[in-house]
């Protein structure tokens, strides 16, 4: 159950927007005009944006990935328009973090944690969950 409706979110209070992937979820996100307006505002303000699985395609379609390293679920590489496409599990490029899918969720989460809380905290969490 969602905590609140999209219209109720105070986007000014957020440090990062995270777009989950999957289908048809990614298409539904991209077709939501209000969400895309808020995403554009985040991008223009150089605030943090993260996307996993198919969702990095949204960032490519909106032109956010030009000249950046990025990755996505296999088959969505063509949608990473202008990006330096990689097959890495996670790519951190400026204010944008992308990741490839459910199997890369832990390194994606740790990259987000590192961005928001620092590398020491991310390393401690990785150790606490017995990752690597």
N, C-alpha and C. Protein backbone atom coordinates (compact mmCIF):
# COMPACT_ATOMS: atom_id res chain seq x y z
N UNK A 1 0.86 -1.18 0.00
CA UNK A 1 0.00 0.00 0.00
C UNK A 1 0.89 1.23 0.00
N UNK A 2 0.63 2.13 -0.90
CA UNK A 2 1.41 3.36 -0.99
C UNK A 2 1.17 4.26 0.23
N UNK A 3 2.20 4.99 0.63
CA UNK A 3 2.09 5.93 1.75
C UNK A 3 1.23 7.13 1.39
N UNK A 4 1.30 7.53 0.12
CA UNK A 4 0.54 8.70 -0.33
C UNK A 4 0.41 8.67 -1.83
N UNK A 5 -0.47 9.51 -2.34
CA UNK A 5 -0.64 9.65 -3.78
C UNK A 5 0.45 10.55 -4.34
N UNK A 6 0.75 10.39 -5.61
CA UNK A 6 1.77 11.21 -6.26
C UNK A 6 1.51 12.70 -6.05
N UNK A 7 0.26 13.10 -6.15
CA UNK A 7 -0.11 14.51 -5.99
C UNK A 7 0.17 15.04 -4.59
N UNK A 8 0.34 14.15 -3.62
CA UNK A 8 0.58 14.55 -2.23
C UNK A 8 2.06 14.65 -1.88
N UNK A 9 2.93 14.20 -2.76
CA UNK A 9 4.37 14.18 -2.48
C UNK A 9 4.95 15.59 -2.55
N UNK A 10 5.72 15.96 -1.53
CA UNK A 10 6.45 17.22 -1.53
C UNK A 10 7.82 16.95 -2.16
N UNK A 11 7.92 17.13 -3.46
CA UNK A 11 9.14 16.82 -4.18
C UNK A 11 10.31 17.69 -3.75
N UNK A 12 10.03 18.89 -3.23
CA UNK A 12 11.10 19.77 -2.77
C UNK A 12 11.84 19.18 -1.57
N UNK A 13 11.18 18.29 -0.84
CA UNK A 13 11.80 17.70 0.35
C UNK A 13 12.63 16.45 0.03
N UNK A 14 12.62 16.01 -1.22
CA UNK A 14 13.30 14.77 -1.59
C UNK A 14 14.74 15.03 -2.02
N UNK A 15 15.64 14.12 -1.64
CA UNK A 15 17.04 14.19 -2.06
C UNK A 15 17.27 13.45 -3.36
N UNK A 16 16.43 12.45 -3.66
CA UNK A 16 16.63 11.61 -4.83
C UNK A 16 15.29 11.06 -5.29
N UNK A 17 15.15 10.92 -6.61
CA UNK A 17 14.04 10.17 -7.17
C UNK A 17 14.59 8.84 -7.66
N UNK A 18 13.91 7.75 -7.31
CA UNK A 18 14.32 6.41 -7.72
C UNK A 18 13.19 5.80 -8.54
N UNK A 19 13.52 5.44 -9.78
CA UNK A 19 12.53 4.85 -10.67
C UNK A 19 12.71 3.34 -10.71
N UNK A 20 11.71 2.58 -10.23
CA UNK A 20 11.80 1.13 -10.33
C UNK A 20 11.51 0.70 -11.76
N UNK A 21 12.03 -0.41 -12.14
CA UNK A 21 11.83 -0.88 -13.52
C UNK A 21 10.68 -1.83 -13.63
N UNK A 22 10.85 -2.78 -14.51
CA UNK A 22 9.79 -3.75 -14.77
C UNK A 22 8.83 -3.23 -15.82
N UNK A 23 8.05 -4.14 -16.33
CA UNK A 23 7.04 -3.80 -17.34
C UNK A 23 5.71 -4.38 -16.90
N UNK A 24 4.63 -3.68 -17.03
CA UNK A 24 4.51 -2.41 -17.74
C UNK A 24 4.78 -1.19 -16.86
N UNK A 25 5.36 -1.40 -15.67
CA UNK A 25 5.60 -0.30 -14.75
C UNK A 25 6.39 0.85 -15.35
N UNK A 26 7.46 0.52 -16.10
CA UNK A 26 8.28 1.57 -16.70
C UNK A 26 7.46 2.40 -17.68
N UNK A 27 6.66 1.74 -18.49
CA UNK A 27 5.80 2.45 -19.43
C UNK A 27 4.80 3.33 -18.69
N UNK A 28 4.23 2.80 -17.60
CA UNK A 28 3.27 3.58 -16.81
C UNK A 28 3.93 4.81 -16.20
N UNK A 29 5.16 4.66 -15.69
CA UNK A 29 5.87 5.82 -15.15
C UNK A 29 6.08 6.87 -16.23
N UNK A 30 6.56 6.44 -17.38
CA UNK A 30 6.87 7.37 -18.46
C UNK A 30 5.61 8.06 -19.01
N UNK A 31 4.48 7.41 -18.92
CA UNK A 31 3.23 7.99 -19.42
C UNK A 31 2.55 8.90 -18.40
N UNK A 32 3.13 9.02 -17.19
CA UNK A 32 2.54 9.87 -16.16
C UNK A 32 3.11 11.29 -16.30
N UNK A 33 2.30 12.19 -16.81
CA UNK A 33 2.75 13.55 -17.11
C UNK A 33 3.27 14.27 -15.86
N UNK A 34 2.57 14.18 -14.75
CA UNK A 34 3.01 14.86 -13.52
C UNK A 34 4.36 14.33 -13.07
N UNK A 35 4.53 13.01 -13.07
CA UNK A 35 5.81 12.43 -12.66
C UNK A 35 6.94 12.89 -13.58
N UNK A 36 6.69 12.93 -14.88
CA UNK A 36 7.73 13.36 -15.82
C UNK A 36 8.07 14.84 -15.63
N UNK A 37 7.09 15.66 -15.28
CA UNK A 37 7.37 17.07 -14.98
C UNK A 37 8.27 17.18 -13.75
N UNK A 38 7.99 16.40 -12.74
CA UNK A 38 8.80 16.41 -11.51
C UNK A 38 10.20 15.87 -11.79
N UNK A 39 10.28 14.84 -12.62
CA UNK A 39 11.57 14.26 -12.99
C UNK A 39 12.41 15.30 -13.75
N UNK A 40 11.79 16.00 -14.68
CA UNK A 40 12.49 17.05 -15.43
C UNK A 40 13.00 18.14 -14.48
N UNK A 41 12.19 18.51 -13.51
CA UNK A 41 12.61 19.53 -12.53
C UNK A 41 13.80 19.04 -11.71
N UNK A 42 13.79 17.77 -11.32
CA UNK A 42 14.92 17.19 -10.60
C UNK A 42 16.18 17.26 -11.46
N UNK A 43 16.06 16.86 -12.70
CA UNK A 43 17.20 16.84 -13.61
C UNK A 43 17.75 18.25 -13.81
N UNK A 44 16.87 19.20 -14.05
CA UNK A 44 17.29 20.58 -14.28
C UNK A 44 17.97 21.18 -13.05
N UNK A 45 17.55 20.76 -11.85
CA UNK A 45 18.15 21.23 -10.60
C UNK A 45 19.40 20.43 -10.22
N UNK A 46 19.76 19.45 -11.07
CA UNK A 46 20.91 18.58 -10.83
C UNK A 46 20.79 17.81 -9.52
N UNK A 47 19.55 17.44 -9.19
CA UNK A 47 19.31 16.59 -8.03
C UNK A 47 19.50 15.14 -8.47
N UNK A 48 19.65 14.25 -7.50
CA UNK A 48 19.95 12.85 -7.78
C UNK A 48 18.74 12.11 -8.36
N UNK A 49 19.03 11.31 -9.38
CA UNK A 49 18.03 10.46 -10.01
C UNK A 49 18.64 9.07 -10.18
N UNK A 50 17.90 8.04 -9.79
CA UNK A 50 18.35 6.66 -9.96
C UNK A 50 17.26 5.85 -10.66
N UNK A 51 17.69 4.88 -11.45
CA UNK A 51 16.73 4.05 -12.18
C UNK A 51 17.33 2.66 -12.38
N UNK A 52 16.49 1.65 -12.27
CA UNK A 52 16.95 0.26 -12.40
C UNK A 52 16.08 -0.49 -13.40
N UNK A 53 16.65 -1.53 -13.98
CA UNK A 53 15.97 -2.46 -14.89
C UNK A 53 15.62 -1.75 -16.19
N UNK A 54 14.35 -1.65 -16.55
CA UNK A 54 13.95 -0.96 -17.78
C UNK A 54 13.85 0.55 -17.59
N UNK A 55 13.76 1.01 -16.36
CA UNK A 55 13.53 2.44 -16.09
C UNK A 55 14.63 3.38 -16.59
N UNK A 56 15.90 2.95 -16.70
CA UNK A 56 16.88 3.87 -17.30
C UNK A 56 16.49 4.31 -18.71
N UNK A 57 15.64 3.53 -19.38
CA UNK A 57 15.18 3.92 -20.72
C UNK A 57 14.46 5.27 -20.68
N UNK A 58 13.75 5.54 -19.60
CA UNK A 58 13.06 6.82 -19.45
C UNK A 58 14.08 7.96 -19.48
N UNK A 59 15.18 7.76 -18.78
CA UNK A 59 16.23 8.79 -18.72
C UNK A 59 16.83 9.01 -20.10
N UNK A 60 16.99 7.92 -20.85
CA UNK A 60 17.51 8.04 -22.21
C UNK A 60 16.54 8.78 -23.12
N UNK A 61 15.26 8.45 -23.01
CA UNK A 61 14.25 9.10 -23.85
C UNK A 61 14.18 10.61 -23.56
N UNK A 62 14.47 11.00 -22.33
CA UNK A 62 14.37 12.41 -21.94
C UNK A 62 15.69 13.16 -22.17
N UNK A 63 16.72 12.46 -22.68
CA UNK A 63 17.97 13.12 -23.01
C UNK A 63 18.91 13.33 -21.84
N UNK A 64 18.64 12.70 -20.71
CA UNK A 64 19.46 12.89 -19.51
C UNK A 64 20.80 12.15 -19.57
N UNK A 65 20.92 11.18 -20.46
CA UNK A 65 22.09 10.30 -20.45
C UNK A 65 23.17 10.69 -21.45
N UNK A 66 22.99 11.74 -22.19
CA UNK A 66 23.96 12.14 -23.21
C UNK A 66 25.34 12.32 -22.59
N UNK A 67 26.30 11.53 -23.10
CA UNK A 67 27.67 11.60 -22.62
C UNK A 67 27.93 10.95 -21.28
N UNK A 68 26.94 10.31 -20.71
CA UNK A 68 27.09 9.66 -19.40
C UNK A 68 27.23 8.15 -19.58
N UNK A 69 27.86 7.50 -18.63
CA UNK A 69 27.87 6.04 -18.57
C UNK A 69 26.52 5.61 -18.01
N UNK A 70 25.94 4.57 -18.60
CA UNK A 70 24.63 4.09 -18.14
C UNK A 70 24.47 2.62 -18.51
N UNK A 71 23.59 1.95 -17.78
CA UNK A 71 23.27 0.55 -18.06
C UNK A 71 21.78 0.35 -17.83
N UNK A 72 21.26 -0.76 -18.36
CA UNK A 72 19.84 -1.08 -18.23
C UNK A 72 19.65 -2.58 -18.45
N UNK A 73 18.43 -3.03 -18.26
CA UNK A 73 18.09 -4.42 -18.49
C UNK A 73 18.38 -4.78 -19.95
N UNK A 74 18.90 -5.99 -20.19
CA UNK A 74 19.19 -6.39 -21.57
C UNK A 74 17.99 -6.17 -22.50
N UNK A 75 18.27 -5.57 -23.65
CA UNK A 75 17.25 -5.27 -24.62
C UNK A 75 16.82 -3.81 -24.60
N UNK A 76 17.22 -3.08 -23.55
CA UNK A 76 16.87 -1.66 -23.45
C UNK A 76 18.06 -0.75 -23.75
N UNK A 77 19.15 -1.33 -24.20
CA UNK A 77 20.35 -0.53 -24.47
C UNK A 77 20.10 0.57 -25.51
N UNK A 78 19.31 0.26 -26.54
CA UNK A 78 19.02 1.25 -27.59
C UNK A 78 18.26 2.46 -27.04
N UNK A 79 17.59 2.28 -25.92
CA UNK A 79 16.82 3.37 -25.32
C UNK A 79 17.67 4.31 -24.47
N UNK A 80 18.92 3.94 -24.24
CA UNK A 80 19.83 4.78 -23.45
C UNK A 80 20.46 5.81 -24.39
N UNK A 81 19.65 6.61 -25.00
CA UNK A 81 20.03 7.51 -26.09
C UNK A 81 21.15 8.46 -25.65
N UNK A 82 22.25 8.41 -26.39
CA UNK A 82 23.38 9.29 -26.13
C UNK A 82 24.33 8.82 -25.05
N UNK A 83 24.02 7.71 -24.41
CA UNK A 83 24.85 7.22 -23.31
C UNK A 83 26.01 6.39 -23.81
N UNK A 84 27.03 6.30 -22.97
CA UNK A 84 28.09 5.31 -23.12
C UNK A 84 27.56 4.07 -22.42
N UNK A 85 26.98 3.16 -23.19
CA UNK A 85 26.29 2.00 -22.63
C UNK A 85 27.29 0.99 -22.11
N UNK A 86 27.06 0.51 -20.89
CA UNK A 86 27.93 -0.50 -20.31
C UNK A 86 27.11 -1.71 -19.88
N UNK A 87 27.80 -2.79 -19.63
CA UNK A 87 27.17 -4.01 -19.12
C UNK A 87 27.50 -4.19 -17.64
N UNK A 88 28.02 -3.14 -17.00
CA UNK A 88 28.29 -3.19 -15.57
C UNK A 88 26.98 -3.31 -14.81
N UNK A 89 27.06 -3.80 -13.58
CA UNK A 89 25.86 -3.94 -12.76
C UNK A 89 25.25 -2.59 -12.42
N UNK A 90 26.10 -1.61 -12.18
CA UNK A 90 25.67 -0.27 -11.78
C UNK A 90 26.58 0.74 -12.45
N UNK A 91 26.01 1.87 -12.82
CA UNK A 91 26.79 2.99 -13.32
C UNK A 91 26.39 4.24 -12.54
N UNK A 92 27.40 4.94 -12.03
CA UNK A 92 27.19 6.22 -11.36
C UNK A 92 27.83 7.26 -12.25
N UNK A 93 27.04 8.19 -12.75
CA UNK A 93 27.55 9.20 -13.68
C UNK A 93 26.92 10.54 -13.33
N UNK A 94 27.69 11.38 -12.67
CA UNK A 94 27.15 12.65 -12.19
C UNK A 94 26.05 12.39 -11.20
N UNK A 95 24.90 13.06 -11.35
CA UNK A 95 23.81 12.87 -10.40
C UNK A 95 22.92 11.66 -10.71
N UNK A 96 23.33 10.85 -11.69
CA UNK A 96 22.48 9.74 -12.14
C UNK A 96 23.11 8.39 -11.84
N UNK A 97 22.30 7.49 -11.29
CA UNK A 97 22.70 6.10 -11.04
C UNK A 97 21.76 5.20 -11.83
N UNK A 98 22.33 4.28 -12.62
CA UNK A 98 21.52 3.29 -13.34
C UNK A 98 22.00 1.89 -12.97
N UNK A 99 21.09 0.93 -13.11
CA UNK A 99 21.42 -0.45 -12.80
C UNK A 99 20.60 -1.36 -13.71
N UNK A 100 20.99 -2.64 -13.80
CA UNK A 100 20.49 -3.52 -14.85
C UNK A 100 19.25 -4.34 -14.50
N UNK A 101 18.99 -4.66 -13.23
CA UNK A 101 17.82 -5.48 -12.96
C UNK A 101 17.78 -6.01 -11.54
N UNK A 102 16.82 -6.87 -11.28
CA UNK A 102 16.62 -7.40 -9.94
C UNK A 102 17.89 -8.01 -9.35
N UNK A 103 18.65 -8.70 -10.17
CA UNK A 103 19.89 -9.33 -9.71
C UNK A 103 20.98 -8.35 -9.34
N UNK A 104 20.79 -7.07 -9.70
CA UNK A 104 21.78 -6.04 -9.36
C UNK A 104 21.23 -5.07 -8.32
N UNK A 105 20.14 -5.45 -7.67
CA UNK A 105 19.49 -4.56 -6.70
C UNK A 105 20.37 -4.23 -5.50
N UNK A 106 21.17 -5.19 -5.04
CA UNK A 106 22.02 -4.90 -3.88
C UNK A 106 23.12 -3.89 -4.25
N UNK A 107 23.89 -4.09 -5.31
CA UNK A 107 24.87 -3.04 -5.64
C UNK A 107 24.20 -1.71 -5.98
N UNK A 108 23.02 -1.73 -6.57
CA UNK A 108 22.26 -0.50 -6.85
C UNK A 108 21.93 0.21 -5.54
N UNK A 109 21.38 -0.53 -4.59
CA UNK A 109 21.04 0.04 -3.29
C UNK A 109 22.26 0.58 -2.56
N UNK A 110 23.37 -0.13 -2.65
CA UNK A 110 24.60 0.34 -2.00
C UNK A 110 25.14 1.59 -2.68
N UNK A 111 25.00 1.69 -3.99
CA UNK A 111 25.42 2.91 -4.70
C UNK A 111 24.56 4.10 -4.26
N UNK A 112 23.27 3.87 -4.08
CA UNK A 112 22.38 4.93 -3.60
C UNK A 112 22.77 5.33 -2.18
N UNK A 113 23.01 4.34 -1.33
CA UNK A 113 23.42 4.61 0.05
C UNK A 113 24.72 5.39 0.08
N UNK A 114 25.67 5.00 -0.75
CA UNK A 114 26.95 5.72 -0.81
C UNK A 114 26.72 7.17 -1.23
N UNK A 115 25.88 7.39 -2.22
CA UNK A 115 25.59 8.74 -2.70
C UNK A 115 24.97 9.60 -1.60
N UNK A 116 24.03 9.02 -0.85
CA UNK A 116 23.30 9.80 0.14
C UNK A 116 23.96 9.87 1.51
N UNK A 117 24.71 8.82 1.87
CA UNK A 117 25.24 8.73 3.23
C UNK A 117 26.75 8.57 3.31
N UNK A 118 27.41 8.41 2.17
CA UNK A 118 28.87 8.29 2.17
C UNK A 118 29.35 6.87 2.01
N UNK A 119 30.61 6.74 1.57
CA UNK A 119 31.18 5.43 1.29
C UNK A 119 31.37 4.60 2.55
N UNK A 120 31.66 5.22 3.68
CA UNK A 120 31.84 4.47 4.93
C UNK A 120 30.54 3.76 5.31
N UNK A 121 29.44 4.48 5.23
CA UNK A 121 28.13 3.88 5.56
C UNK A 121 27.78 2.76 4.59
N UNK A 122 28.04 2.98 3.30
CA UNK A 122 27.74 1.94 2.31
C UNK A 122 28.60 0.70 2.56
N UNK A 123 29.86 0.90 2.89
CA UNK A 123 30.75 -0.23 3.16
C UNK A 123 30.28 -0.99 4.41
N UNK A 124 29.91 -0.26 5.44
CA UNK A 124 29.41 -0.90 6.66
C UNK A 124 28.15 -1.72 6.39
N UNK A 125 27.27 -1.18 5.56
CA UNK A 125 26.04 -1.90 5.23
C UNK A 125 26.37 -3.16 4.42
N UNK A 126 27.26 -3.04 3.46
CA UNK A 126 27.65 -4.21 2.67
C UNK A 126 28.18 -5.32 3.58
N UNK A 127 28.99 -4.94 4.54
CA UNK A 127 29.52 -5.92 5.50
C UNK A 127 28.41 -6.50 6.36
N UNK A 128 27.48 -5.65 6.81
CA UNK A 128 26.40 -6.10 7.68
C UNK A 128 25.48 -7.09 7.00
N UNK A 129 25.32 -6.97 5.69
CA UNK A 129 24.43 -7.90 4.97
C UNK A 129 25.21 -9.03 4.30
N UNK A 130 26.50 -9.10 4.60
CA UNK A 130 27.39 -10.14 4.09
C UNK A 130 27.52 -10.08 2.56
N UNK A 131 27.51 -8.86 2.02
CA UNK A 131 27.67 -8.69 0.58
C UNK A 131 29.14 -8.55 0.27
N UNK A 132 29.62 -9.37 -0.66
CA UNK A 132 31.03 -9.44 -1.07
C UNK A 132 31.89 -9.82 0.10
